Amino acid sequence: SRGDYYCKAKRMGKQLFTTTQSDATTIHVSDLPIPTLKLLSPWSEVFKNEDMGFSCEVSSPEWTFTWLRDQTTLQNDSQ
């Protein structure tokens, strides 16, 4: 969860030793972007062995994509 995180240490033995609190590290939590699938041709129906093109986009940079058909991962050149 989002917030400031700290740590402290203690050692028990004949005597209890406790450290001071560490510097804080702030964690920011964001929702994952939702990908958008776009059909690159104006037709949603094609003939067998005909090529189709898709694009997948998200609202932030540096994402890579995996293509699936019926929950099966496709190769980049799959039909």
PDB file of N, CA and C in Angstrom:
ATOM      1  N   SER A   1       0.823  -1.193   0.000  1.00  0.00           N
ATOM      2  CA  SER A   1       0.000   0.000   0.000  1.00  0.00           C
ATOM      3  C   SER A   1       0.860   1.245   0.000  1.00  0.00           C
ATOM      4  N   ARG A   2       0.256   2.327  -0.403  1.00  0.00           N
ATOM      5  CA  ARG A   2       0.958   3.593  -0.478  1.00  0.00           C
ATOM      6  C   ARG A   2       1.283   4.093   0.924  1.00  0.00           C
ATOM      7  N   GLY A   3       2.425   4.766   1.075  1.00  0.00           N
ATOM      8  CA  GLY A   3       2.769   5.360   2.360  1.00  0.00           C
ATOM      9  C   GLY A   3       4.262   5.471   2.547  1.00  0.00           C
ATOM     10  N   ASP A   4       4.643   5.922   3.725  1.00  0.00           N
ATOM     11  CA  ASP A   4       6.047   6.037   4.104  1.00  0.00           C
ATOM     12  C   ASP A   4       6.432   4.808   4.919  1.00  0.00           C
ATOM     13  N   TYR A   5       7.536   4.182   4.550  1.00  0.00           N
ATOM     14  CA  TYR A   5       7.988   2.974   5.229  1.00  0.00           C
ATOM     15  C   TYR A   5       9.298   3.248   5.955  1.00  0.00           C
ATOM     16  N   TYR A   6       9.430   2.679   7.157  1.00  0.00           N
ATOM     17  CA  TYR A   6      10.601   2.827   8.009  1.00  0.00           C
ATOM     18  C   TYR A   6      10.975   1.450   8.538  1.00  0.00           C
ATOM     19  N   CYS A   7      12.157   1.358   9.112  1.00  0.00           N
ATOM     20  CA  CYS A   7      12.497   0.132   9.831  1.00  0.00           C
ATOM     21  C   CYS A   7      13.268   0.478  11.093  1.00  0.00           C
ATOM     22  N   LYS A   8      13.229  -0.437  12.028  1.00  0.00           N
ATOM     23  CA  LYS A   8      13.998  -0.379  13.267  1.00  0.00           C
ATOM     24  C   LYS A   8      14.509  -1.784  13.523  1.00  0.00           C
ATOM     25  N   ALA A   9      15.598  -1.885  14.247  1.00  0.00           N
ATOM     26  CA  ALA A   9      16.138  -3.202  14.576  1.00  0.00           C
ATOM     27  C   ALA A   9      16.313  -3.308  16.081  1.00  0.00           C
ATOM     28  N   LYS A  10      16.227  -4.539  16.557  1.00  0.00           N
ATOM     29  CA  LYS A  10      16.526  -4.766  17.970  1.00  0.00           C
ATOM     30  C   LYS A  10      17.267  -6.079  18.106  1.00  0.00           C
ATOM     31  N   ARG A  11      18.067  -6.151  19.143  1.00  0.00           N
ATOM     32  CA  ARG A  11      18.819  -7.365  19.434  1.00  0.00           C
ATOM     33  C   ARG A  11      18.617  -7.692  20.900  1.00  0.00           C
ATOM     34  N   MET A  12      18.206  -8.923  21.123  1.00  0.00           N
ATOM     35  CA  MET A  12      17.972  -9.335  22.498  1.00  0.00           C
ATOM     36  C   MET A  12      19.094 -10.274  22.921  1.00  0.00           C
ATOM     37  N   GLY A  13      19.487 -10.153  24.096  1.00  0.00           N
ATOM     38  CA  GLY A  13      20.527 -10.985  24.686  1.00  0.00           C
ATOM     39  C   GLY A  13      20.501 -10.676  26.173  1.00  0.00           C
ATOM     40  N   LYS A  14      21.682 -10.525  26.763  1.00  0.00           N
ATOM     41  CA  LYS A  14      21.722 -10.119  28.162  1.00  0.00           C
ATOM     42  C   LYS A  14      21.104  -8.743  28.319  1.00  0.00           C
ATOM     43  N   GLN A  15      21.256  -7.946  27.266  1.00  0.00           N
ATOM     44  CA  GLN A  15      20.707  -6.597  27.267  1.00  0.00           C
ATOM     45  C   GLN A  15      19.934  -6.384  25.978  1.00  0.00           C
ATOM     46  N   LEU A  16      18.876  -5.602  26.036  1.00  0.00           N
ATOM     47  CA  LEU A  16      18.084  -5.283  24.845  1.00  0.00           C
ATOM     48  C   LEU A  16      18.665  -4.031  24.195  1.00  0.00           C
ATOM     49  N   PHE A  17      18.983  -4.118  22.910  1.00  0.00           N
ATOM     50  CA  PHE A  17      19.449  -2.967  22.148  1.00  0.00           C
ATOM     51  C   PHE A  17      18.425  -2.688  21.057  1.00  0.00           C
ATOM     52  N   THR A  18      18.051  -1.419  20.908  1.00  0.00           N
ATOM     53  CA  THR A  18      17.108  -1.004  19.868  1.00  0.00           C
ATOM     54  C   THR A  18      17.712   0.166  19.111  1.00  0.00           C
ATOM     55  N   THR A  19      17.656   0.101  17.780  1.00  0.00           N
ATOM     56  CA  THR A  19      18.192   1.185  16.961  1.00  0.00           C
ATOM     57  C   THR A  19      17.172   2.311  16.852  1.00  0.00           C
ATOM     58  N   THR A  20      17.632   3.411  16.316  1.00  0.00           N
ATOM     59  CA  THR A  20      16.699   4.481  15.981  1.00  0.00           C
ATOM     60  C   THR A  20      15.995   4.101  14.684  1.00  0.00           C
ATOM     61  N   GLN A  21      15.009   4.863  14.341  1.00  0.00           N
ATOM     62  CA  GLN A  21      14.234   4.599  13.124  1.00  0.00           C
ATOM     63  C   GLN A  21      15.032   5.016  11.891  1.00  0.00           C
ATOM     64  N   SER A  22      14.922   4.258  10.821  1.00  0.00           N
ATOM     65  CA  SER A  22      15.613   4.567   9.566  1.00  0.00           C
ATOM     66  C   SER A  22      14.986   5.783   8.898  1.00  0.00           C
ATOM     67  N   ASP A  23      15.648   6.258   7.855  1.00  0.00           N
ATOM     68  CA  ASP A  23      15.022   7.268   7.001  1.00  0.00           C
ATOM     69  C   ASP A  23      13.835   6.624   6.296  1.00  0.00           C
ATOM     70  N   ALA A  24      12.903   7.445   5.886  1.00  0.00           N
ATOM     71  CA  ALA A  24      11.691   6.936   5.242  1.00  0.00           C
ATOM     72  C   ALA A  24      11.919   6.673   3.760  1.00  0.00           C
ATOM     73  N   THR A  25      11.217   5.700   3.256  1.00  0.00           N
ATOM     74  CA  THR A  25      11.092   5.463   1.825  1.00  0.00           C
ATOM     75  C   THR A  25       9.615   5.556   1.508  1.00  0.00           C
ATOM     76  N   THR A  26       9.278   6.395   0.537  1.00  0.00           N
ATOM     77  CA  THR A  26       7.880   6.582   0.177  1.00  0.00           C
ATOM     78  C   THR A  26       7.529   5.689  -1.000  1.00  0.00           C
ATOM     79  N   ILE A  27       6.437   4.976  -0.867  1.00  0.00           N
ATOM     80  CA  ILE A  27       5.948   4.093  -1.922  1.00  0.00           C
ATOM     81  C   ILE A  27       4.696   4.715  -2.520  1.00  0.00           C
ATOM     82  N   HIS A  28       4.673   4.822  -3.844  1.00  0.00           N
ATOM     83  CA  HIS A  28       3.502   5.327  -4.561  1.00  0.00           C
ATOM     84  C   HIS A  28       2.883   4.156  -5.315  1.00  0.00           C
ATOM     85  N   VAL A  29       1.603   3.966  -5.148  1.00  0.00           N
ATOM     86  CA  VAL A  29       0.896   2.864  -5.800  1.00  0.00           C
ATOM     87  C   VAL A  29      -0.018   3.443  -6.864  1.00  0.00           C
ATOM     88  N   SER A  30       0.070   2.913  -8.066  1.00  0.00           N
ATOM     89  CA  SER A  30      -0.772   3.365  -9.174  1.00  0.00           C
ATOM     90  C   SER A  30      -1.551   2.184  -9.716  1.00  0.00           C
ATOM     91  N   ASP A  31      -2.683   2.474 -10.310  1.00  0.00           N
ATOM     92  CA  ASP A  31      -3.431   1.428 -10.996  1.00  0.00           C
ATOM     93  C   ASP A  31      -2.702   1.077 -12.283  1.00  0.00           C
ATOM     94  N   LEU A  32      -2.751  -0.176 -12.657  1.00  0.00           N
ATOM     95  CA  LEU A  32      -2.168  -0.586 -13.931  1.00  0.00           C
ATOM     96  C   LEU A  32      -2.985   0.001 -15.071  1.00  0.00           C
ATOM     97  N   PRO A  33      -2.332   0.401 -16.157  1.00  0.00           N
ATOM     98  CA  PRO A  33      -3.102   0.902 -17.294  1.00  0.00           C
ATOM     99  C   PRO A  33      -3.898  -0.233 -17.935  1.00  0.00           C
ATOM    100  N   ILE A  34      -4.993   0.124 -18.561  1.00  0.00           N
ATOM    101  CA  ILE A  34      -5.828  -0.859 -19.248  1.00  0.00           C
ATOM    102  C   ILE A  34      -5.477  -0.821 -20.730  1.00  0.00           C
ATOM    103  N   PRO A  35      -5.061  -1.955 -21.306  1.00  0.00           N
ATOM    104  CA  PRO A  35      -4.713  -1.961 -22.725  1.00  0.00           C
ATOM    105  C   PRO A  35      -5.953  -1.831 -23.605  1.00  0.00           C
ATOM    106  N   THR A  36      -5.750  -1.207 -24.767  1.00  0.00           N
ATOM    107  CA  THR A  36      -6.815  -1.057 -25.754  1.00  0.00           C
ATOM    108  C   THR A  36      -6.395  -1.783 -27.022  1.00  0.00           C
ATOM    109  N   LEU A  37      -7.230  -2.708 -27.479  1.00  0.00           N
ATOM    110  CA  LEU A  37      -6.972  -3.445 -28.712  1.00  0.00           C
ATOM    111  C   LEU A  37      -7.701  -2.752 -29.847  1.00  0.00           C
ATOM    112  N   LYS A  38      -6.972  -2.458 -30.932  1.00  0.00           N
ATOM    113  CA  LYS A  38      -7.574  -1.801 -32.093  1.00  0.00           C
ATOM    114  C   LYS A  38      -7.388  -2.669 -33.326  1.00  0.00           C
ATOM    115  N   LEU A  39      -8.452  -2.828 -34.079  1.00  0.00           N
ATOM    116  CA  LEU A  39      -8.415  -3.524 -35.356  1.00  0.00           C
ATOM    117  C   LEU A  39      -7.959  -2.516 -36.401  1.00  0.00           C
ATOM    118  N   LEU A  40      -6.911  -2.831 -37.152  1.00  0.00           N
ATOM    119  CA  LEU A  40      -6.330  -1.877 -38.096  1.00  0.00           C
ATOM    120  C   LEU A  40      -7.016  -1.856 -39.453  1.00  0.00           C
ATOM    121  N   SER A  41      -7.914  -2.782 -39.704  1.00  0.00           N
ATOM    122  CA  SER A  41      -8.668  -2.756 -40.957  1.00  0.00           C
ATOM    123  C   SER A  41     -10.114  -2.385 -40.645  1.00  0.00           C
ATOM    124  N   PRO A  42     -10.847  -1.909 -41.641  1.00  0.00           N
ATOM    125  CA  PRO A  42     -12.241  -1.530 -41.389  1.00  0.00           C
ATOM    126  C   PRO A  42     -13.183  -2.729 -41.315  1.00  0.00           C
ATOM    127  N   TRP A  43     -12.663  -3.952 -41.555  1.00  0.00           N
ATOM    128  CA  TRP A  43     -13.523  -5.135 -41.575  1.00  0.00           C
ATOM    129  C   TRP A  43     -13.268  -5.992 -40.348  1.00  0.00           C
ATOM    130  N   SER A  44     -14.325  -6.441 -39.719  1.00  0.00           N
ATOM    131  CA  SER A  44     -14.176  -7.338 -38.573  1.00  0.00           C
ATOM    132  C   SER A  44     -14.318  -8.801 -38.979  1.00  0.00           C
ATOM    133  N   GLU A  45     -14.670  -9.045 -40.241  1.00  0.00           N
ATOM    134  CA  GLU A  45     -14.737 -10.407 -40.766  1.00  0.00           C
ATOM    135  C   GLU A  45     -13.784 -10.514 -41.951  1.00  0.00           C
ATOM    136  N   VAL A  46     -13.039 -11.627 -41.996  1.00  0.00           N
ATOM    137  CA  VAL A  46     -12.082 -11.836 -43.088  1.00  0.00           C
ATOM    138  C   VAL A  46     -12.224 -13.257 -43.614  1.00  0.00           C
ATOM    139  N   PHE A  47     -11.680 -13.493 -44.799  1.00  0.00           N
ATOM    140  CA  PHE A  47     -11.663 -14.830 -45.373  1.00  0.00           C
ATOM    141  C   PHE A  47     -10.465 -15.599 -44.827  1.00  0.00           C
ATOM    142  N   LYS A  48     -10.560 -16.919 -44.847  1.00  0.00           N
ATOM    143  CA  LYS A  48      -9.476 -17.769 -44.389  1.00  0.00           C
ATOM    144  C   LYS A  48      -8.194 -17.422 -45.146  1.00  0.00           C
ATOM    145  N   ASN A  49      -7.069 -17.401 -44.433  1.00  0.00           N
ATOM    146  CA  ASN A  49      -5.727 -17.078 -44.942  1.00  0.00           C
ATOM    147  C   ASN A  49      -5.556 -15.606 -45.304  1.00  0.00           C
ATOM    148  N   GLU A  50      -6.528 -14.776 -45.007  1.00  0.00           N
ATOM    149  CA  GLU A  50      -6.398 -13.340 -45.242  1.00  0.00           C
ATOM    150  C   GLU A  50      -5.713 -12.711 -44.025  1.00  0.00           C
ATOM    151  N   ASP A  51      -4.894 -11.695 -44.256  1.00  0.00           N
ATOM    152  CA  ASP A  51      -4.184 -11.022 -43.168  1.00  0.00           C
ATOM    153  C   ASP A  51      -5.099 -10.067 -42.424  1.00  0.00           C
ATOM    154  N   MET A  52      -4.841  -9.957 -41.122  1.00  0.00           N
ATOM    155  CA  MET A  52      -5.519  -8.968 -40.274  1.00  0.00           C
ATOM    156  C   MET A  52      -4.443  -8.237 -39.495  1.00  0.00           C
ATOM    157  N   GLY A  53      -4.718  -7.008 -39.132  1.00  0.00           N
ATOM    158  CA  GLY A  53      -3.770  -6.247 -38.335  1.00  0.00           C
ATOM    159  C   GLY A  53      -4.430  -5.698 -37.085  1.00  0.00           C
ATOM    160  N   PHE A  54      -3.687  -5.746 -35.985  1.00  0.00           N
ATOM    161  CA  PHE A  54      -4.156  -5.222 -34.711  1.00  0.00           C
ATOM    162  C   PHE A  54      -3.072  -4.334 -34.120  1.00  0.00           C
ATOM    163  N   SER A  55      -3.476  -3.445 -33.251  1.00  0.00           N
ATOM    164  CA  SER A  55      -2.511  -2.727 -32.426  1.00  0.00           C
ATOM    165  C   SER A  55      -3.006  -2.793 -30.993  1.00  0.00           C
ATOM    166  N   CYS A  56      -2.065  -2.746 -30.083  1.00  0.00           N
ATOM    167  CA  CYS A  56      -2.393  -2.749 -28.660  1.00  0.00           C
ATOM    168  C   CYS A  56      -1.719  -1.518 -28.068  1.00  0.00           C
ATOM    169  N   GLU A  57      -2.478  -0.733 -27.320  1.00  0.00           N
ATOM    170  CA  GLU A  57      -1.950   0.519 -26.785  1.00  0.00           C
ATOM    171  C   GLU A  57      -2.291   0.657 -25.309  1.00  0.00           C
ATOM    172  N   VAL A  58      -1.374   1.284 -24.572  1.00  0.00           N
ATOM    173  CA  VAL A  58      -1.632   1.687 -23.189  1.00  0.00           C
ATOM    174  C   VAL A  58      -1.239   3.146 -23.056  1.00  0.00           C
ATOM    175  N   SER A  59      -1.690   3.771 -21.984  1.00  0.00           N
ATOM    176  CA  SER A  59      -1.525   5.214 -21.833  1.00  0.00           C
ATOM    177  C   SER A  59      -0.149   5.637 -21.328  1.00  0.00           C
ATOM    178  N   SER A  60       0.734   4.707 -21.037  1.00  0.00           N
ATOM    179  CA  SER A  60       2.068   5.077 -20.566  1.00  0.00           C
ATOM    180  C   SER A  60       3.120   4.331 -21.393  1.00  0.00           C
ATOM    181  N   PRO A  61       4.339   4.878 -21.483  1.00  0.00           N
ATOM    182  CA  PRO A  61       5.371   4.297 -22.344  1.00  0.00           C
ATOM    183  C   PRO A  61       6.039   3.062 -21.737  1.00  0.00           C
ATOM    184  N   GLU A  62       6.873   2.420 -22.534  1.00  0.00           N
ATOM    185  CA  GLU A  62       7.779   1.346 -22.130  1.00  0.00           C
ATOM    186  C   GLU A  62       7.100   0.025 -21.789  1.00  0.00           C
ATOM    187  N   TRP A  63       5.929  -0.228 -22.324  1.00  0.00           N
ATOM    188  CA  TRP A  63       5.273  -1.515 -22.132  1.00  0.00           C
ATOM    189  C   TRP A  63       5.558  -2.399 -23.335  1.00  0.00           C
ATOM    190  N   THR A  64       5.674  -3.683 -23.108  1.00  0.00           N
ATOM    191  CA  THR A  64       5.746  -4.646 -24.193  1.00  0.00           C
ATOM    192  C   THR A  64       4.457  -5.462 -24.167  1.00  0.00           C
ATOM    193  N   PHE A  65       4.148  -6.102 -25.272  1.00  0.00           N
ATOM    194  CA  PHE A  65       2.856  -6.770 -25.394  1.00  0.00           C
ATOM    195  C   PHE A  65       3.026  -8.237 -25.731  1.00  0.00           C
ATOM    196  N   THR A  66       2.101  -9.035 -25.257  1.00  0.00           N
ATOM    197  CA  THR A  66       1.986 -10.445 -25.610  1.00  0.00           C
ATOM    198  C   THR A  66       0.645 -10.617 -26.290  1.00  0.00           C
ATOM    199  N   TRP A  67       0.650 -11.265 -27.426  1.00  0.00           N
ATOM    200  CA  TRP A  67      -0.587 -11.482 -28.179  1.00  0.00           C
ATOM    201  C   TRP A  67      -1.125 -12.867 -27.880  1.00  0.00           C
ATOM    202  N   LEU A  68      -2.446 -12.938 -27.653  1.00  0.00           N
ATOM    203  CA  LEU A  68      -3.101 -14.205 -27.353  1.00  0.00           C
ATOM    204  C   LEU A  68      -4.351 -14.368 -28.199  1.00  0.00           C
ATOM    205  N   ARG A  69      -4.655 -15.606 -28.544  1.00  0.00           N
ATOM    206  CA  ARG A  69      -5.926 -15.942 -29.178  1.00  0.00           C
ATOM    207  C   ARG A  69      -6.505 -17.106 -28.393  1.00  0.00           C
ATOM    208  N   ASP A  70      -7.714 -16.938 -27.873  1.00  0.00           N
ATOM    209  CA  ASP A  70      -8.365 -17.964 -27.048  1.00  0.00           C
ATOM    210  C   ASP A  70      -7.453 -18.423 -25.908  1.00  0.00           C
ATOM    211  N   GLN A  71      -6.824 -17.476 -25.226  1.00  0.00           N
ATOM    212  CA  GLN A  71      -5.941 -17.713 -24.079  1.00  0.00           C
ATOM    213  C   GLN A  71      -4.643 -18.441 -24.434  1.00  0.00           C
ATOM    214  N   THR A  72      -4.303 -18.533 -25.727  1.00  0.00           N
ATOM    215  CA  THR A  72      -3.060 -19.156 -26.175  1.00  0.00           C
ATOM    216  C   THR A  72      -2.149 -18.078 -26.735  1.00  0.00           C
ATOM    217  N   THR A  73      -0.899 -18.049 -26.258  1.00  0.00           N
ATOM    218  CA  THR A  73       0.062 -17.054 -26.720  1.00  0.00           C
ATOM    219  C   THR A  73       0.407 -17.298 -28.180  1.00  0.00           C
ATOM    220  N   LEU A  74       0.411 -16.229 -28.964  1.00  0.00           N
ATOM    221  CA  LEU A  74       0.720 -16.298 -30.392  1.00  0.00           C
ATOM    222  C   LEU A  74       2.146 -15.846 -30.651  1.00  0.00           C
ATOM    223  N   GLN A  75       2.739 -16.370 -31.715  1.00  0.00           N
ATOM    224  CA  GLN A  75       4.013 -15.864 -32.202  1.00  0.00           C
ATOM    225  C   GLN A  75       3.718 -14.560 -32.943  1.00  0.00           C
ATOM    226  N   ASN A  76       4.702 -13.692 -33.079  1.00  0.00           N
ATOM    227  CA  ASN A  76       4.485 -12.408 -33.750  1.00  0.00           C
ATOM    228  C   ASN A  76       3.964 -12.551 -35.170  1.00  0.00           C
ATOM    229  N   ASP A  77       4.332 -13.639 -35.851  1.00  0.00           N
ATOM    230  CA  ASP A  77       3.902 -13.813 -37.239  1.00  0.00           C
ATOM    231  C   ASP A  77       2.772 -14.835 -37.370  1.00  0.00           C
ATOM    232  N   SER A  78       2.087 -15.150 -36.255  1.00  0.00           N
ATOM    233  CA  SER A  78       1.017 -16.158 -36.295  1.00  0.00           C
ATOM    234  C   SER A  78      -0.172 -15.685 -37.093  1.00  0.00           C
ATOM    235  N   GLN A  79      -0.899 -16.649 -37.632  1.00  0.00           N
ATOM    236  CA  GLN A  79      -2.119 -16.339 -38.376  1.00  0.00           C
ATOM    237  C   GLN A  79      -3.311 -16.799 -37.574  1.00  0.00           C
TER     238      GLN A  79
END
